[in-house]
PDB file of N, CA and C in Angstrom:
ATOM      1  N   MET A   1     -17.641  -3.643 -38.527  1.00  0.00           N
ATOM      2  CA  MET A   1     -16.473  -4.479 -38.753  1.00  0.00           C
ATOM      3  C   MET A   1     -16.899  -5.946 -38.652  1.00  0.00           C
ATOM      4  N   PRO A   2     -16.546  -6.762 -39.645  1.00  0.00           N
ATOM      5  CA  PRO A   2     -16.952  -8.166 -39.609  1.00  0.00           C
ATOM      6  C   PRO A   2     -16.252  -8.927 -38.480  1.00  0.00           C
ATOM      7  N   LYS A   3     -16.966  -9.908 -37.966  1.00  0.00           N
ATOM      8  CA  LYS A   3     -16.412 -10.728 -36.892  1.00  0.00           C
ATOM      9  C   LYS A   3     -15.280 -11.595 -37.460  1.00  0.00           C
ATOM     10  N   LYS A   4     -14.205 -11.699 -36.693  1.00  0.00           N
ATOM     11  CA  LYS A   4     -13.068 -12.509 -37.138  1.00  0.00           C
ATOM     12  C   LYS A   4     -13.375 -13.986 -36.967  1.00  0.00           C
ATOM     13  N   SER A   5     -12.872 -14.779 -37.885  1.00  0.00           N
ATOM     14  CA  SER A   5     -12.986 -16.232 -37.748  1.00  0.00           C
ATOM     15  C   SER A   5     -11.991 -16.687 -36.679  1.00  0.00           C
ATOM     16  N   PRO A   6     -12.204 -17.855 -36.093  1.00  0.00           N
ATOM     17  CA  PRO A   6     -11.227 -18.343 -35.108  1.00  0.00           C
ATOM     18  C   PRO A   6      -9.807 -18.413 -35.670  1.00  0.00           C
ATOM     19  N   LYS A   7      -9.685 -18.784 -36.920  1.00  0.00           N
ATOM     20  CA  LYS A   7      -8.354 -18.862 -37.538  1.00  0.00           C
ATOM     21  C   LYS A   7      -7.691 -17.484 -37.563  1.00  0.00           C
ATOM     22  N   GLU A   8      -8.472 -16.455 -37.909  1.00  0.00           N
ATOM     23  CA  GLU A   8      -7.933 -15.085 -37.932  1.00  0.00           C
ATOM     24  C   GLU A   8      -7.528 -14.631 -36.534  1.00  0.00           C
ATOM     25  N   VAL A   9      -8.341 -14.983 -35.538  1.00  0.00           N
ATOM     26  CA  VAL A   9      -8.018 -14.622 -34.155  1.00  0.00           C
ATOM     27  C   VAL A   9      -6.678 -15.237 -33.761  1.00  0.00           C
ATOM     28  N   LEU A  10      -6.480 -16.517 -34.074  1.00  0.00           N
ATOM     29  CA  LEU A  10      -5.238 -17.200 -33.719  1.00  0.00           C
ATOM     30  C   LEU A  10      -4.035 -16.585 -34.434  1.00  0.00           C
ATOM     31  N   GLN A  11      -4.198 -16.231 -35.683  1.00  0.00           N
ATOM     32  CA  GLN A  11      -3.095 -15.684 -36.476  1.00  0.00           C
ATOM     33  C   GLN A  11      -2.756 -14.246 -36.098  1.00  0.00           C
ATOM     34  N   GLN A  12      -3.747 -13.475 -35.644  1.00  0.00           N
ATOM     35  CA  GLN A  12      -3.545 -12.040 -35.452  1.00  0.00           C
ATOM     36  C   GLN A  12      -3.396 -11.612 -34.001  1.00  0.00           C
ATOM     37  N   SER A  13      -3.592 -12.519 -33.080  1.00  0.00           N
ATOM     38  CA  SER A  13      -3.540 -12.153 -31.663  1.00  0.00           C
ATOM     39  C   SER A  13      -2.145 -11.695 -31.269  1.00  0.00           C
ATOM     40  N   GLN A  14      -2.061 -10.525 -30.649  1.00  0.00           N
ATOM     41  CA  GLN A  14      -0.777  -9.991 -30.199  1.00  0.00           C
ATOM     42  C   GLN A  14      -0.477 -10.405 -28.763  1.00  0.00           C
ATOM     43  N   GLU A  15      -1.531 -10.736 -28.003  1.00  0.00           N
ATOM     44  CA  GLU A  15      -1.334 -11.158 -26.619  1.00  0.00           C
ATOM     45  C   GLU A  15      -1.269 -12.680 -26.558  1.00  0.00           C
ATOM     46  N   LEU A  16      -0.930 -13.184 -25.378  1.00  0.00           N
ATOM     47  CA  LEU A  16      -0.940 -14.625 -25.179  1.00  0.00           C
ATOM     48  C   LEU A  16      -2.383 -15.109 -25.221  1.00  0.00           C
ATOM     49  N   LEU A  17      -2.611 -16.119 -26.021  1.00  0.00           N
ATOM     50  CA  LEU A  17      -3.951 -16.641 -26.235  1.00  0.00           C
ATOM     51  C   LEU A  17      -3.939 -18.123 -25.877  1.00  0.00           C
ATOM     52  N   LEU A  18      -4.667 -18.489 -24.826  1.00  0.00           N
ATOM     53  CA  LEU A  18      -4.804 -19.883 -24.437  1.00  0.00           C
ATOM     54  C   LEU A  18      -6.041 -20.427 -25.135  1.00  0.00           C
ATOM     55  N   VAL A  19      -5.827 -21.355 -26.050  1.00  0.00           N
ATOM     56  CA  VAL A  19      -6.923 -21.875 -26.863  1.00  0.00           C
ATOM     57  C   VAL A  19      -7.353 -23.234 -26.321  1.00  0.00           C
ATOM     58  N   ASP A  20      -8.640 -23.341 -26.051  1.00  0.00           N
ATOM     59  CA  ASP A  20      -9.243 -24.572 -25.559  1.00  0.00           C
ATOM     60  C   ASP A  20     -10.045 -25.183 -26.701  1.00  0.00           C
ATOM     61  N   PHE A  21      -9.522 -26.265 -27.288  1.00  0.00           N
ATOM     62  CA  PHE A  21     -10.282 -27.015 -28.285  1.00  0.00           C
ATOM     63  C   PHE A  21     -11.170 -27.980 -27.512  1.00  0.00           C
ATOM     64  N   TYR A  22     -12.478 -27.871 -27.690  1.00  0.00           N
ATOM     65  CA  TYR A  22     -13.439 -28.620 -26.882  1.00  0.00           C
ATOM     66  C   TYR A  22     -14.672 -28.981 -27.707  1.00  0.00           C
ATOM     67  N   ALA A  23     -15.570 -29.744 -27.090  1.00  0.00           N
ATOM     68  CA  ALA A  23     -16.898 -29.997 -27.652  1.00  0.00           C
ATOM     69  C   ALA A  23     -17.892 -29.980 -26.499  1.00  0.00           C
ATOM     70  N   ASP A  24     -19.126 -29.576 -26.792  1.00  0.00           N
ATOM     71  CA  ASP A  24     -20.148 -29.468 -25.760  1.00  0.00           C
ATOM     72  C   ASP A  24     -20.444 -30.814 -25.092  1.00  0.00           C
ATOM     73  N   TRP A  25     -20.340 -31.902 -25.844  1.00  0.00           N
ATOM     74  CA  TRP A  25     -20.687 -33.236 -25.333  1.00  0.00           C
ATOM     75  C   TRP A  25     -19.549 -33.893 -24.549  1.00  0.00           C
ATOM     76  N   CYS A  26     -18.382 -33.267 -24.495  1.00  0.00           N
ATOM     77  CA  CYS A  26     -17.171 -33.856 -23.914  1.00  0.00           C
ATOM     78  C   CYS A  26     -17.115 -33.642 -22.402  1.00  0.00           C
ATOM     79  N   GLY A  27     -17.234 -34.727 -21.629  1.00  0.00           N
ATOM     80  CA  GLY A  27     -17.188 -34.653 -20.176  1.00  0.00           C
ATOM     81  C   GLY A  27     -15.890 -34.056 -19.639  1.00  0.00           C
ATOM     82  N   PRO A  28     -14.723 -34.558 -20.087  1.00  0.00           N
ATOM     83  CA  PRO A  28     -13.462 -33.965 -19.616  1.00  0.00           C
ATOM     84  C   PRO A  28     -13.338 -32.482 -19.964  1.00  0.00           C
ATOM     85  N   CYS A  29     -13.910 -32.060 -21.077  1.00  0.00           N
ATOM     86  CA  CYS A  29     -13.885 -30.636 -21.449  1.00  0.00           C
ATOM     87  C   CYS A  29     -14.668 -29.816 -20.429  1.00  0.00           C
ATOM     88  N   GLN A  30     -15.798 -30.360 -19.978  1.00  0.00           N
ATOM     89  CA  GLN A  30     -16.618 -29.672 -18.978  1.00  0.00           C
ATOM     90  C   GLN A  30     -15.882 -29.605 -17.637  1.00  0.00           C
ATOM     91  N   THR A  31     -15.109 -30.646 -17.329  1.00  0.00           N
ATOM     92  CA  THR A  31     -14.305 -30.662 -16.108  1.00  0.00           C
ATOM     93  C   THR A  31     -13.209 -29.600 -16.170  1.00  0.00           C
ATOM     94  N   LEU A  32     -12.634 -29.425 -17.355  1.00  0.00           N
ATOM     95  CA  LEU A  32     -11.520 -28.489 -17.536  1.00  0.00           C
ATOM     96  C   LEU A  32     -11.966 -27.022 -17.529  1.00  0.00           C
ATOM     97  N   ALA A  33     -13.188 -26.741 -17.951  1.00  0.00           N
ATOM     98  CA  ALA A  33     -13.659 -25.355 -18.108  1.00  0.00           C
ATOM     99  C   ALA A  33     -13.455 -24.489 -16.861  1.00  0.00           C
ATOM    100  N   PRO A  34     -13.888 -24.918 -15.655  1.00  0.00           N
ATOM    101  CA  PRO A  34     -13.670 -24.055 -14.485  1.00  0.00           C
ATOM    102  C   PRO A  34     -12.187 -23.924 -14.120  1.00  0.00           C
ATOM    103  N   ILE A  35     -11.397 -24.920 -14.422  1.00  0.00           N
ATOM    104  CA  ILE A  35      -9.943 -24.844 -14.188  1.00  0.00           C
ATOM    105  C   ILE A  35      -9.347 -23.746 -15.058  1.00  0.00           C
ATOM    106  N   LEU A  36      -9.751 -23.701 -16.319  1.00  0.00           N
ATOM    107  CA  LEU A  36      -9.252 -22.674 -17.235  1.00  0.00           C
ATOM    108  C   LEU A  36      -9.669 -21.281 -16.752  1.00  0.00           C
ATOM    109  N   ASP A  37     -10.921 -21.151 -16.358  1.00  0.00           N
ATOM    110  CA  ASP A  37     -11.395 -19.851 -15.871  1.00  0.00           C
ATOM    111  C   ASP A  37     -10.581 -19.390 -14.662  1.00  0.00           C
ATOM    112  N   ARG A  38     -10.313 -20.298 -13.745  1.00  0.00           N
ATOM    113  CA  ARG A  38      -9.559 -19.971 -12.530  1.00  0.00           C
ATOM    114  C   ARG A  38      -8.129 -19.546 -12.873  1.00  0.00           C
ATOM    115  N   VAL A  39      -7.491 -20.288 -13.770  1.00  0.00           N
ATOM    116  CA  VAL A  39      -6.106 -19.991 -14.142  1.00  0.00           C
ATOM    117  C   VAL A  39      -6.005 -18.639 -14.850  1.00  0.00           C
ATOM    118  N   VAL A  40      -6.901 -18.379 -15.778  1.00  0.00           N
ATOM    119  CA  VAL A  40      -6.886 -17.101 -16.496  1.00  0.00           C
ATOM    120  C   VAL A  40      -7.115 -15.956 -15.506  1.00  0.00           C
ATOM    121  N   TYR A  41      -8.015 -16.150 -14.550  1.00  0.00           N
ATOM    122  CA  TYR A  41      -8.260 -15.134 -13.518  1.00  0.00           C
ATOM    123  C   TYR A  41      -7.000 -14.915 -12.679  1.00  0.00           C
ATOM    124  N   GLU A  42      -6.336 -15.999 -12.278  1.00  0.00           N
ATOM    125  CA  GLU A  42      -5.130 -15.887 -11.449  1.00  0.00           C
ATOM    126  C   GLU A  42      -3.986 -15.208 -12.195  1.00  0.00           C
ATOM    127  N   LEU A  43      -3.958 -15.349 -13.490  1.00  0.00           N
ATOM    128  CA  LEU A  43      -2.888 -14.725 -14.285  1.00  0.00           C
ATOM    129  C   LEU A  43      -3.194 -13.264 -14.597  1.00  0.00           C
ATOM    130  N   GLU A  44      -4.283 -12.760 -14.068  1.00  0.00           N
ATOM    131  CA  GLU A  44      -4.632 -11.340 -14.145  1.00  0.00           C
ATOM    132  C   GLU A  44      -4.538 -10.752 -15.549  1.00  0.00           C
ATOM    133  N   ASP A  45      -5.227 -11.382 -16.463  1.00  0.00           N
ATOM    134  CA  ASP A  45      -5.334 -10.869 -17.841  1.00  0.00           C
ATOM    135  C   ASP A  45      -4.026 -10.896 -18.634  1.00  0.00           C
ATOM    136  N   LYS A  46      -3.042 -11.631 -18.181  1.00  0.00           N
ATOM    137  CA  LYS A  46      -1.818 -11.791 -18.979  1.00  0.00           C
ATOM    138  C   LYS A  46      -2.035 -12.817 -20.090  1.00  0.00           C
ATOM    139  N   VAL A  47      -3.098 -13.604 -19.949  1.00  0.00           N
ATOM    140  CA  VAL A  47      -3.471 -14.626 -20.927  1.00  0.00           C
ATOM    141  C   VAL A  47      -4.958 -14.474 -21.207  1.00  0.00           C
ATOM    142  N   THR A  48      -5.330 -14.569 -22.481  1.00  0.00           N
ATOM    143  CA  THR A  48      -6.729 -14.522 -22.872  1.00  0.00           C
ATOM    144  C   THR A  48      -7.171 -15.924 -23.246  1.00  0.00           C
ATOM    145  N   LEU A  49      -8.316 -16.340 -22.719  1.00  0.00           N
ATOM    146  CA  LEU A  49      -8.871 -17.655 -23.038  1.00  0.00           C
ATOM    147  C   LEU A  49      -9.713 -17.535 -24.301  1.00  0.00           C
ATOM    148  N   PHE A  50      -9.488 -18.451 -25.228  1.00  0.00           N
ATOM    149  CA  PHE A  50     -10.239 -18.483 -26.484  1.00  0.00           C
ATOM    150  C   PHE A  50     -10.689 -19.922 -26.701  1.00  0.00           C
ATOM    151  N   LYS A  51     -11.987 -20.128 -26.781  1.00  0.00           N
ATOM    152  CA  LYS A  51     -12.531 -21.478 -26.905  1.00  0.00           C
ATOM    153  C   LYS A  51     -12.902 -21.767 -28.355  1.00  0.00           C
ATOM    154  N   VAL A  52     -12.503 -22.956 -28.835  1.00  0.00           N
ATOM    155  CA  VAL A  52     -12.824 -23.375 -30.197  1.00  0.00           C
ATOM    156  C   VAL A  52     -13.576 -24.702 -30.120  1.00  0.00           C
ATOM    157  N   ASN A  53     -14.834 -24.673 -30.529  1.00  0.00           N
ATOM    158  CA  ASN A  53     -15.655 -25.882 -30.557  1.00  0.00           C
ATOM    159  C   ASN A  53     -15.260 -26.693 -31.793  1.00  0.00           C
ATOM    160  N   VAL A  54     -14.731 -27.899 -31.583  1.00  0.00           N
ATOM    161  CA  VAL A  54     -14.236 -28.703 -32.708  1.00  0.00           C
ATOM    162  C   VAL A  54     -15.366 -29.179 -33.617  1.00  0.00           C
ATOM    163  N   ASP A  55     -16.589 -29.245 -33.092  1.00  0.00           N
ATOM    164  CA  ASP A  55     -17.722 -29.633 -33.935  1.00  0.00           C
ATOM    165  C   ASP A  55     -18.114 -28.510 -34.891  1.00  0.00           C
ATOM    166  N   LYS A  56     -17.918 -27.269 -34.464  1.00  0.00           N
ATOM    167  CA  LYS A  56     -18.252 -26.119 -35.315  1.00  0.00           C
ATOM    168  C   LYS A  56     -17.094 -25.716 -36.218  1.00  0.00           C
ATOM    169  N   HIS A  57     -15.875 -26.089 -35.837  1.00  0.00           N
ATOM    170  CA  HIS A  57     -14.677 -25.713 -36.613  1.00  0.00           C
ATOM    171  C   HIS A  57     -13.774 -26.928 -36.854  1.00  0.00           C
ATOM    172  N   PRO A  58     -14.312 -27.944 -37.551  1.00  0.00           N
ATOM    173  CA  PRO A  58     -13.534 -29.181 -37.741  1.00  0.00           C
ATOM    174  C   PRO A  58     -12.266 -28.981 -38.566  1.00  0.00           C
ATOM    175  N   LEU A  59     -12.280 -28.071 -39.529  1.00  0.00           N
ATOM    176  CA  LEU A  59     -11.087 -27.851 -40.353  1.00  0.00           C
ATOM    177  C   LEU A  59      -9.956 -27.223 -39.545  1.00  0.00           C
ATOM    178  N   LEU A  60     -10.319 -26.326 -38.639  1.00  0.00           N
ATOM    179  CA  LEU A  60      -9.308 -25.706 -37.785  1.00  0.00           C
ATOM    180  C   LEU A  60      -8.703 -26.756 -36.849  1.00  0.00           C
ATOM    181  N   ALA A  61      -9.544 -27.608 -36.289  1.00  0.00           N
ATOM    182  CA  ALA A  61      -9.052 -28.686 -35.428  1.00  0.00           C
ATOM    183  C   ALA A  61      -8.133 -29.615 -36.226  1.00  0.00           C
ATOM    184  N   GLN A  62      -8.515 -29.900 -37.443  1.00  0.00           N
ATOM    185  CA  GLN A  62      -7.697 -30.757 -38.305  1.00  0.00           C
ATOM    186  C   GLN A  62      -6.369 -30.073 -38.635  1.00  0.00           C
ATOM    187  N   GLN A  63      -6.397 -28.791 -38.914  1.00  0.00           N
ATOM    188  CA  GLN A  63      -5.182 -28.043 -39.256  1.00  0.00           C
ATOM    189  C   GLN A  63      -4.149 -28.129 -38.131  1.00  0.00           C
ATOM    190  N   PHE A  64      -4.615 -28.129 -36.878  1.00  0.00           N
ATOM    191  CA  PHE A  64      -3.704 -28.180 -35.736  1.00  0.00           C
ATOM    192  C   PHE A  64      -3.545 -29.592 -35.178  1.00  0.00           C
ATOM    193  N   ALA A  65      -3.996 -30.585 -35.951  1.00  0.00           N
ATOM    194  CA  ALA A  65      -3.829 -31.999 -35.606  1.00  0.00           C
ATOM    195  C   ALA A  65      -4.404 -32.328 -34.227  1.00  0.00           C
ATOM    196  N   ILE A  66      -5.597 -31.799 -33.952  1.00  0.00           N
ATOM    197  CA  ILE A  66      -6.275 -32.100 -32.700  1.00  0.00           C
ATOM    198  C   ILE A  66      -6.912 -33.480 -32.858  1.00  0.00           C
ATOM    199  N   ARG A  67      -6.369 -34.463 -32.150  1.00  0.00           N
ATOM    200  CA  ARG A  67      -6.856 -35.838 -32.252  1.00  0.00           C
ATOM    201  C   ARG A  67      -7.779 -36.217 -31.101  1.00  0.00           C
ATOM    202  N   SER A  68      -7.646 -35.504 -29.980  1.00  0.00           N
ATOM    203  CA  SER A  68      -8.507 -35.772 -28.834  1.00  0.00           C
ATOM    204  C   SER A  68      -8.755 -34.460 -28.105  1.00  0.00           C
ATOM    205  N   ILE A  69      -9.846 -34.426 -27.379  1.00  0.00           N
ATOM    206  CA  ILE A  69     -10.189 -33.227 -26.634  1.00  0.00           C
ATOM    207  C   ILE A  69     -10.440 -33.609 -25.182  1.00  0.00           C
ATOM    208  N   PRO A  70     -10.233 -32.692 -24.263  1.00  0.00           N
ATOM    209  CA  PRO A  70      -9.794 -31.310 -24.468  1.00  0.00           C
ATOM    210  C   PRO A  70      -8.335 -31.244 -24.916  1.00  0.00           C
ATOM    211  N   HIS A  71      -8.021 -30.184 -25.624  1.00  0.00           N
ATOM    212  CA  HIS A  71      -6.653 -29.953 -26.092  1.00  0.00           C
ATOM    213  C   HIS A  71      -6.373 -28.457 -25.954  1.00  0.00           C
ATOM    214  N   LEU A  72      -5.319 -28.128 -25.255  1.00  0.00           N
ATOM    215  CA  LEU A  72      -4.956 -26.724 -25.035  1.00  0.00           C
ATOM    216  C   LEU A  72      -3.752 -26.354 -25.874  1.00  0.00           C
ATOM    217  N   MET A  73      -3.772 -25.137 -26.388  1.00  0.00           N
ATOM    218  CA  MET A  73      -2.632 -24.593 -27.126  1.00  0.00           C
ATOM    219  C   MET A  73      -2.440 -23.135 -26.704  1.00  0.00           C
ATOM    220  N   LEU A  74      -1.192 -22.710 -26.622  1.00  0.00           N
ATOM    221  CA  LEU A  74      -0.878 -21.323 -26.292  1.00  0.00           C
ATOM    222  C   LEU A  74      -0.276 -20.670 -27.530  1.00  0.00           C
ATOM    223  N   PHE A  75      -0.899 -19.579 -27.958  1.00  0.00           N
ATOM    224  CA  PHE A  75      -0.468 -18.855 -29.156  1.00  0.00           C
ATOM    225  C   PHE A  75      -0.014 -17.455 -28.797  1.00  0.00           C
ATOM    226  N   LYS A  76       0.893 -16.930 -29.595  1.00  0.00           N
ATOM    227  CA  LYS A  76       1.208 -15.509 -29.585  1.00  0.00           C
ATOM    228  C   LYS A  76       1.654 -15.141 -30.988  1.00  0.00           C
ATOM    229  N   LYS A  77       1.023 -14.123 -31.533  1.00  0.00           N
ATOM    230  CA  LYS A  77       1.328 -13.643 -32.888  1.00  0.00           C
ATOM    231  C   LYS A  77       1.302 -14.781 -33.909  1.00  0.00           C
ATOM    232  N   GLY A  78       0.324 -15.660 -33.777  1.00  0.00           N
ATOM    233  CA  GLY A  78       0.143 -16.739 -34.741  1.00  0.00           C
ATOM    234  C   GLY A  78       1.062 -17.933 -34.558  1.00  0.00           C
ATOM    235  N   LYS A  79       1.929 -17.890 -33.582  1.00  0.00           N
ATOM    236  CA  LYS A  79       2.859 -18.991 -33.353  1.00  0.00           C
ATOM    237  C   LYS A  79       2.414 -19.816 -32.144  1.00  0.00           C
ATOM    238  N   ILE A  80       2.577 -21.124 -32.269  1.00  0.00           N
ATOM    239  CA  ILE A  80       2.256 -22.028 -31.167  1.00  0.00           C
ATOM    240  C   ILE A  80       3.450 -22.060 -30.227  1.00  0.00           C
ATOM    241  N   LEU A  81       3.210 -21.700 -28.967  1.00  0.00           N
ATOM    242  CA  LEU A  81       4.274 -21.714 -27.968  1.00  0.00           C
ATOM    243  C   LEU A  81       4.258 -22.994 -27.140  1.00  0.00           C
ATOM    244  N   TRP A  82       3.053 -23.583 -26.982  1.00  0.00           N
ATOM    245  CA  TRP A  82       2.892 -24.730 -26.090  1.00  0.00           C
ATOM    246  C   TRP A  82       1.594 -25.428 -26.433  1.00  0.00           C
ATOM    247  N   ARG A  83       1.546 -26.742 -26.178  1.00  0.00           N
ATOM    248  CA  ARG A  83       0.299 -27.479 -26.378  1.00  0.00           C
ATOM    249  C   ARG A  83       0.248 -28.669 -25.440  1.00  0.00           C
ATOM    250  N   LYS A  84      -0.980 -29.047 -25.068  1.00  0.00           N
ATOM    251  CA  LYS A  84      -1.169 -30.155 -24.137  1.00  0.00           C
ATOM    252  C   LYS A  84      -2.539 -30.754 -24.374  1.00  0.00           C
ATOM    253  N   GLY A  85      -2.573 -32.055 -24.569  1.00  0.00           N
ATOM    254  CA  GLY A  85      -3.843 -32.760 -24.716  1.00  0.00           C
ATOM    255  C   GLY A  85      -4.270 -33.351 -23.390  1.00  0.00           C
ATOM    256  N   GLY A  86      -5.565 -33.446 -23.177  1.00  0.00           N
ATOM    257  CA  GLY A  86      -6.094 -34.074 -21.975  1.00  0.00           C
ATOM    258  C   GLY A  86      -6.283 -33.098 -20.829  1.00  0.00           C
ATOM    259  N   LEU A  87      -6.684 -33.667 -19.694  1.00  0.00           N
ATOM    260  CA  LEU A  87      -6.925 -32.844 -18.503  1.00  0.00           C
ATOM    261  C   LEU A  87      -5.613 -32.427 -17.843  1.00  0.00           C
ATOM    262  N   ILE A  88      -5.665 -31.293 -17.194  1.00  0.00           N
ATOM    263  CA  ILE A  88      -4.516 -30.781 -16.448  1.00  0.00           C
ATOM    264  C   ILE A  88      -5.086 -30.032 -15.244  1.00  0.00           C
ATOM    265  N   ASN A  89      -4.433 -30.139 -14.095  1.00  0.00           N
ATOM    266  CA  ASN A  89      -4.958 -29.426 -12.925  1.00  0.00           C
ATOM    267  C   ASN A  89      -4.479 -27.972 -12.950  1.00  0.00           C
ATOM    268  N   SER A  90      -5.100 -27.145 -12.135  1.00  0.00           N
ATOM    269  CA  SER A  90      -4.816 -25.703 -12.188  1.00  0.00           C
ATOM    270  C   SER A  90      -3.375 -25.392 -11.793  1.00  0.00           C
ATOM    271  N   ALA A  91      -2.833 -26.097 -10.794  1.00  0.00           N
ATOM    272  CA  ALA A  91      -1.450 -25.828 -10.369  1.00  0.00           C
ATOM    273  C   ALA A  91      -0.461 -26.128 -11.494  1.00  0.00           C
ATOM    274  N   GLU A  92      -0.654 -27.239 -12.164  1.00  0.00           N
ATOM    275  CA  GLU A  92       0.257 -27.622 -13.252  1.00  0.00           C
ATOM    276  C   GLU A  92       0.099 -26.676 -14.444  1.00  0.00           C
ATOM    277  N   LEU A  93      -1.133 -26.301 -14.757  1.00  0.00           N
ATOM    278  CA  LEU A  93      -1.370 -25.381 -15.872  1.00  0.00           C
ATOM    279  C   LEU A  93      -0.731 -24.022 -15.592  1.00  0.00           C
ATOM    280  N   LEU A  94      -0.890 -23.518 -14.378  1.00  0.00           N
ATOM    281  CA  LEU A  94      -0.254 -22.250 -14.007  1.00  0.00           C
ATOM    282  C   LEU A  94       1.260 -22.337 -14.169  1.00  0.00           C
ATOM    283  N   LYS A  95       1.834 -23.421 -13.696  1.00  0.00           N
ATOM    284  CA  LYS A  95       3.282 -23.618 -13.792  1.00  0.00           C
ATOM    285  C   LYS A  95       3.732 -23.621 -15.260  1.00  0.00           C
ATOM    286  N   GLN A  96       3.002 -24.321 -16.108  1.00  0.00           N
ATOM    287  CA  GLN A  96       3.340 -24.408 -17.522  1.00  0.00           C
ATOM    288  C   GLN A  96       3.222 -23.041 -18.219  1.00  0.00           C
ATOM    289  N   LEU A  97       2.165 -22.296 -17.906  1.00  0.00           N
ATOM    290  CA  LEU A  97       1.926 -21.022 -18.590  1.00  0.00           C
ATOM    291  C   LEU A  97       2.859 -19.907 -18.113  1.00  0.00           C
ATOM    292  N   LYS A  98       3.242 -19.927 -16.845  1.00  0.00           N
ATOM    293  CA  LYS A  98       4.086 -18.861 -16.307  1.00  0.00           C
ATOM    294  C   LYS A  98       5.452 -18.786 -16.994  1.00  0.00           C
ATOM    295  N   VAL A  99       5.868 -19.860 -17.618  1.00  0.00           N
ATOM    296  CA  VAL A  99       7.124 -19.861 -18.383  1.00  0.00           C
ATOM    297  C   VAL A  99       7.070 -18.838 -19.513  1.00  0.00           C
ATOM    298  N   PHE A 100       5.879 -18.572 -20.044  1.00  0.00           N
ATOM    299  CA  PHE A 100       5.725 -17.708 -21.218  1.00  0.00           C
ATOM    300  C   PHE A 100       5.324 -16.282 -20.868  1.00  0.00           C
ATOM    301  N   ILE A 101       5.145 -15.983 -19.586  1.00  0.00           N
ATOM    302  CA  ILE A 101       4.662 -14.654 -19.192  1.00  0.00           C
ATOM    303  C   ILE A 101       5.836 -13.765 -18.762  1.00  0.00           C
TER     304      ILE A 101
END
């Protein structure tokens, strides 16, 4: 079975998908990474983390109007439920995501 493109993953995901638009060279993105891991762990698999490197997928970043990174988006069944640009702490991220669980 061929590997799905990030766009296909976003459109076809049936579960809650927390998408992290990032770049390897981005300091704030590196700061956010362990926060995302902790939050996804605390939510006990109710949310799946999906990372999209904007340097490797510039058209996808453009399609979703990603102007700065890090940028988080929450998807379900191809629909955007929530989005937030910039850094966010784990307590605030948990609070924001629990609304959708």
